[in-house]
Amino acid sequence: MIGRRMTTPSAKKRTFYLHSDVLAAVEALVRAGYAPSQNALIEHLVRRSHDRLRRQQREDEMRAAYAAAMQDAQYRTSQEAVERDFGALDREAWG
C-alpha cells in the first residue's frame, strides 16, 4: 500500500484530463486500498515512473561510457588481462 503524504505548502494544485477508463482504474485502485487517495496514487505512480526513467538514463550513460572505453586499446588490454587473471576463479565460482 502506498503511504499517505500530508499536503504541504510545496504541493501545487493542477487540473488534468484523464480518459474515463484511466479514471475508473484510479478510483478502483483507491477503493481496493492500494492508496489512501487518488492524489497519493497519482503522486506515487509519477514518482515511480520518474525514478525508472532516471535509472534507465544512468544505465544508458554507463553503457555508452563502457562502449567508449572499449574503443581504447589500452583499456581493452587491461580488461582482457583481468578476465584472464580471474577466469579460473570465475569458472570455479559458477561451477
N, C-alpha and C. Protein backbone atom coordinates (compact mmCIF):
# COMPACT_ATOMS: atom_id res chain seq x y z
N MET A 1 0.84 -1.19 0.00
CA MET A 1 0.00 0.00 0.00
C MET A 1 0.88 1.24 0.00
N ILE A 2 0.42 2.23 -0.62
CA ILE A 2 1.13 3.50 -0.72
C ILE A 2 0.82 4.31 0.52
N GLY A 3 1.87 4.90 1.12
CA GLY A 3 1.68 5.71 2.30
C GLY A 3 1.03 7.04 1.99
N ARG A 4 0.41 7.60 3.00
CA ARG A 4 -0.26 8.89 2.84
C ARG A 4 0.76 10.00 3.04
N ARG A 5 0.76 10.97 2.16
CA ARG A 5 1.59 12.16 2.30
C ARG A 5 0.68 13.30 2.72
N MET A 6 1.13 14.04 3.65
CA MET A 6 0.35 15.20 4.07
C MET A 6 0.51 16.30 3.02
N THR A 7 -0.55 17.04 2.79
CA THR A 7 -0.46 18.18 1.87
C THR A 7 0.45 19.21 2.51
N THR A 8 1.43 19.64 1.77
CA THR A 8 2.39 20.60 2.29
C THR A 8 2.28 21.89 1.50
N PRO A 9 2.85 22.97 2.03
CA PRO A 9 2.83 24.22 1.27
C PRO A 9 3.49 24.09 -0.11
N SER A 10 4.37 23.09 -0.28
CA SER A 10 5.03 22.93 -1.57
C SER A 10 4.16 22.20 -2.58
N ALA A 11 3.06 21.60 -2.13
CA ALA A 11 2.15 20.91 -3.05
C ALA A 11 1.38 21.94 -3.85
N LYS A 12 1.21 21.68 -5.13
CA LYS A 12 0.52 22.60 -6.03
C LYS A 12 -0.70 21.91 -6.64
N LYS A 13 -1.77 22.64 -6.74
CA LYS A 13 -2.98 22.09 -7.35
C LYS A 13 -2.85 22.18 -8.87
N ARG A 14 -3.21 21.09 -9.55
CA ARG A 14 -3.22 21.03 -11.00
C ARG A 14 -4.50 20.35 -11.45
N THR A 15 -4.92 20.66 -12.65
CA THR A 15 -6.07 20.00 -13.24
C THR A 15 -5.59 19.20 -14.44
N PHE A 16 -5.96 17.92 -14.46
CA PHE A 16 -5.60 17.05 -15.56
C PHE A 16 -6.87 16.41 -16.11
N TYR A 17 -6.87 16.15 -17.37
CA TYR A 17 -7.96 15.44 -18.00
C TYR A 17 -7.50 14.01 -18.23
N LEU A 18 -8.31 13.06 -17.75
CA LEU A 18 -7.99 11.64 -17.91
C LEU A 18 -9.11 10.96 -18.69
N HIS A 19 -8.74 9.98 -19.47
CA HIS A 19 -9.75 9.17 -20.15
C HIS A 19 -10.57 8.44 -19.08
N SER A 20 -11.82 8.15 -19.40
CA SER A 20 -12.72 7.57 -18.41
C SER A 20 -12.23 6.22 -17.89
N ASP A 21 -11.59 5.41 -18.75
CA ASP A 21 -11.10 4.12 -18.27
C ASP A 21 -9.94 4.30 -17.30
N VAL A 22 -9.11 5.33 -17.50
CA VAL A 22 -8.00 5.59 -16.59
C VAL A 22 -8.54 6.10 -15.26
N LEU A 23 -9.49 6.99 -15.31
CA LEU A 23 -10.10 7.49 -14.08
C LEU A 23 -10.76 6.36 -13.30
N ALA A 24 -11.43 5.47 -14.01
CA ALA A 24 -12.06 4.32 -13.35
C ALA A 24 -11.01 3.44 -12.69
N ALA A 25 -9.88 3.27 -13.35
CA ALA A 25 -8.81 2.46 -12.77
C ALA A 25 -8.24 3.13 -11.52
N VAL A 26 -8.05 4.43 -11.56
CA VAL A 26 -7.56 5.17 -10.39
C VAL A 26 -8.53 4.98 -9.23
N GLU A 27 -9.80 5.19 -9.49
CA GLU A 27 -10.80 5.04 -8.45
C GLU A 27 -10.84 3.62 -7.90
N ALA A 28 -10.72 2.62 -8.76
CA ALA A 28 -10.74 1.22 -8.33
C ALA A 28 -9.53 0.89 -7.45
N LEU A 29 -8.37 1.42 -7.83
CA LEU A 29 -7.17 1.16 -7.03
C LEU A 29 -7.29 1.77 -5.64
N VAL A 30 -7.85 2.95 -5.56
CA VAL A 30 -8.05 3.60 -4.25
C VAL A 30 -9.08 2.82 -3.44
N ARG A 31 -10.19 2.43 -4.07
CA ARG A 31 -11.22 1.64 -3.37
C ARG A 31 -10.65 0.32 -2.86
N ALA A 32 -9.74 -0.27 -3.63
CA ALA A 32 -9.15 -1.56 -3.24
C ALA A 32 -8.10 -1.40 -2.15
N GLY A 33 -7.80 -0.14 -1.78
CA GLY A 33 -6.85 0.09 -0.70
C GLY A 33 -5.41 0.19 -1.14
N TYR A 34 -5.18 0.25 -2.44
CA TYR A 34 -3.81 0.37 -2.94
C TYR A 34 -3.19 1.69 -2.54
N ALA A 35 -4.01 2.71 -2.39
CA ALA A 35 -3.54 4.03 -1.99
C ALA A 35 -4.64 4.68 -1.16
N PRO A 36 -4.27 5.58 -0.25
CA PRO A 36 -5.28 6.21 0.59
C PRO A 36 -6.11 7.27 -0.14
N SER A 37 -5.62 7.74 -1.28
CA SER A 37 -6.36 8.76 -2.02
C SER A 37 -5.90 8.74 -3.47
N GLN A 38 -6.69 9.37 -4.32
CA GLN A 38 -6.32 9.48 -5.72
C GLN A 38 -5.04 10.30 -5.87
N ASN A 39 -4.92 11.37 -5.10
CA ASN A 39 -3.70 12.19 -5.15
C ASN A 39 -2.47 11.36 -4.79
N ALA A 40 -2.58 10.57 -3.71
CA ALA A 40 -1.45 9.75 -3.28
C ALA A 40 -1.08 8.73 -4.35
N LEU A 41 -2.08 8.14 -4.99
CA LEU A 41 -1.82 7.15 -6.04
C LEU A 41 -1.10 7.79 -7.22
N ILE A 42 -1.62 8.91 -7.70
CA ILE A 42 -1.01 9.57 -8.86
C ILE A 42 0.41 10.01 -8.52
N GLU A 43 0.60 10.58 -7.34
CA GLU A 43 1.94 11.02 -6.95
C GLU A 43 2.91 9.84 -6.90
N HIS A 44 2.46 8.73 -6.33
CA HIS A 44 3.30 7.53 -6.25
C HIS A 44 3.67 7.02 -7.65
N LEU A 45 2.68 6.94 -8.53
CA LEU A 45 2.93 6.41 -9.87
C LEU A 45 3.85 7.31 -10.68
N VAL A 46 3.69 8.62 -10.53
CA VAL A 46 4.56 9.55 -11.25
C VAL A 46 5.98 9.45 -10.70
N ARG A 47 6.13 9.41 -9.38
CA ARG A 47 7.47 9.27 -8.79
C ARG A 47 8.14 7.98 -9.25
N ARG A 48 7.37 6.88 -9.24
CA ARG A 48 7.92 5.58 -9.65
C ARG A 48 8.35 5.61 -11.11
N SER A 49 7.54 6.20 -11.97
CA SER A 49 7.89 6.30 -13.38
C SER A 49 9.11 7.18 -13.59
N HIS A 50 9.18 8.27 -12.86
CA HIS A 50 10.32 9.18 -12.97
C HIS A 50 11.60 8.50 -12.47
N ASP A 51 11.51 7.77 -11.37
CA ASP A 51 12.67 7.03 -10.86
C ASP A 51 13.14 6.00 -11.88
N ARG A 52 12.19 5.31 -12.51
CA ARG A 52 12.53 4.31 -13.52
C ARG A 52 13.22 4.97 -14.71
N LEU A 53 12.73 6.13 -15.14
CA LEU A 53 13.34 6.86 -16.24
C LEU A 53 14.76 7.28 -15.89
N ARG A 54 14.97 7.82 -14.69
CA ARG A 54 16.32 8.23 -14.27
C ARG A 54 17.27 7.03 -14.20
N ARG A 55 16.78 5.90 -13.68
CA ARG A 55 17.61 4.70 -13.61
C ARG A 55 18.00 4.25 -15.02
N GLN A 56 17.05 4.27 -15.95
CA GLN A 56 17.33 3.88 -17.33
C GLN A 56 18.34 4.83 -17.96
N GLN A 57 18.22 6.12 -17.69
CA GLN A 57 19.17 7.09 -18.23
C GLN A 57 20.58 6.84 -17.69
N ARG A 58 20.69 6.54 -16.39
CA ARG A 58 22.00 6.23 -15.80
C ARG A 58 22.60 4.98 -16.43
N GLU A 59 21.77 3.96 -16.62
CA GLU A 59 22.25 2.72 -17.24
C GLU A 59 22.71 2.98 -18.67
N ASP A 60 21.97 3.78 -19.41
CA ASP A 60 22.34 4.12 -20.79
C ASP A 60 23.68 4.87 -20.81
N GLU A 61 23.85 5.80 -19.86
CA GLU A 61 25.11 6.55 -19.79
C GLU A 61 26.27 5.62 -19.46
N MET A 62 26.06 4.67 -18.55
CA MET A 62 27.13 3.72 -18.19
C MET A 62 27.47 2.83 -19.38
N ARG A 63 26.45 2.36 -20.10
CA ARG A 63 26.71 1.53 -21.29
C ARG A 63 27.50 2.30 -22.34
N ALA A 64 27.14 3.56 -22.54
CA ALA A 64 27.85 4.39 -23.52
C ALA A 64 29.29 4.62 -23.09
N ALA A 65 29.49 4.88 -21.79
CA ALA A 65 30.85 5.09 -21.29
C ALA A 65 31.68 3.83 -21.43
N TYR A 66 31.09 2.68 -21.14
CA TYR A 66 31.82 1.42 -21.27
C TYR A 66 32.15 1.14 -22.73
N ALA A 67 31.19 1.39 -23.62
CA ALA A 67 31.44 1.18 -25.05
C ALA A 67 32.55 2.09 -25.54
N ALA A 68 32.56 3.33 -25.07
CA ALA A 68 33.62 4.26 -25.46
C ALA A 68 34.96 3.79 -24.90
N ALA A 69 34.96 3.33 -23.66
CA ALA A 69 36.21 2.86 -23.06
C ALA A 69 36.76 1.65 -23.81
N MET A 70 35.87 0.79 -24.30
CA MET A 70 36.32 -0.40 -25.02
C MET A 70 36.95 -0.05 -26.37
N GLN A 71 36.77 1.18 -26.82
CA GLN A 71 37.43 1.62 -28.06
C GLN A 71 38.89 1.95 -27.82
N ASP A 72 39.24 2.14 -26.54
CA ASP A 72 40.63 2.46 -26.17
C ASP A 72 41.41 1.17 -26.04
N ALA A 73 42.46 1.00 -26.83
CA ALA A 73 43.23 -0.25 -26.86
C ALA A 73 43.85 -0.57 -25.51
N GLN A 74 44.36 0.43 -24.82
CA GLN A 74 44.99 0.20 -23.51
C GLN A 74 43.96 -0.30 -22.49
N TYR A 75 42.79 0.31 -22.48
CA TYR A 75 41.73 -0.12 -21.56
C TYR A 75 41.30 -1.54 -21.90
N ARG A 76 41.10 -1.82 -23.19
CA ARG A 76 40.67 -3.14 -23.62
C ARG A 76 41.70 -4.20 -23.21
N THR A 77 42.99 -3.90 -23.38
CA THR A 77 44.06 -4.83 -22.98
C THR A 77 44.00 -5.09 -21.48
N SER A 78 43.78 -4.02 -20.71
CA SER A 78 43.67 -4.15 -19.26
C SER A 78 42.50 -5.04 -18.87
N GLN A 79 41.36 -4.86 -19.53
CA GLN A 79 40.18 -5.66 -19.23
C GLN A 79 40.40 -7.13 -19.61
N GLU A 80 41.05 -7.36 -20.71
CA GLU A 80 41.34 -8.74 -21.12
C GLU A 80 42.26 -9.41 -20.11
N ALA A 81 43.21 -8.67 -19.54
CA ALA A 81 44.11 -9.22 -18.53
C ALA A 81 43.34 -9.58 -17.26
N VAL A 82 42.42 -8.74 -16.88
CA VAL A 82 41.60 -9.03 -15.69
C VAL A 82 40.78 -10.29 -15.93
N GLU A 83 40.16 -10.39 -17.12
CA GLU A 83 39.38 -11.58 -17.44
C GLU A 83 40.24 -12.84 -17.41
N ARG A 84 41.45 -12.74 -17.94
CA ARG A 84 42.37 -13.87 -17.94
C ARG A 84 42.76 -14.25 -16.51
N ASP A 85 43.11 -13.24 -15.70
CA ASP A 85 43.57 -13.49 -14.34
C ASP A 85 42.48 -14.09 -13.46
N PHE A 86 41.25 -13.69 -13.68
CA PHE A 86 40.17 -14.16 -12.83
C PHE A 86 39.32 -15.24 -13.48
N GLY A 87 39.65 -15.64 -14.69
CA GLY A 87 38.86 -16.64 -15.41
C GLY A 87 38.70 -17.94 -14.65
N ALA A 88 39.79 -18.45 -14.09
CA ALA A 88 39.72 -19.72 -13.36
C ALA A 88 38.82 -19.57 -12.12
N LEU A 89 38.95 -18.45 -11.41
CA LEU A 89 38.12 -18.23 -10.24
C LEU A 89 36.65 -18.10 -10.62
N ASP A 90 36.39 -17.43 -11.74
CA ASP A 90 35.00 -17.31 -12.21
C ASP A 90 34.42 -18.67 -12.54
N ARG A 91 35.19 -19.48 -13.26
CA ARG A 91 34.70 -20.82 -13.61
C ARG A 91 34.44 -21.64 -12.37
N GLU A 92 35.33 -21.53 -11.37
CA GLU A 92 35.15 -22.28 -10.11
C GLU A 92 33.89 -21.79 -9.38
N ALA A 93 33.71 -20.50 -9.32
CA ALA A 93 32.55 -19.94 -8.61
C ALA A 93 31.23 -20.31 -9.28
N TRP A 94 31.20 -20.35 -10.61
CA TRP A 94 29.99 -20.63 -11.34
C TRP A 94 29.79 -22.11 -11.61
N GLY A 95 30.78 -22.92 -11.16
CA GLY A 95 30.67 -24.37 -11.26
C GLY A 95 30.73 -24.86 -12.63
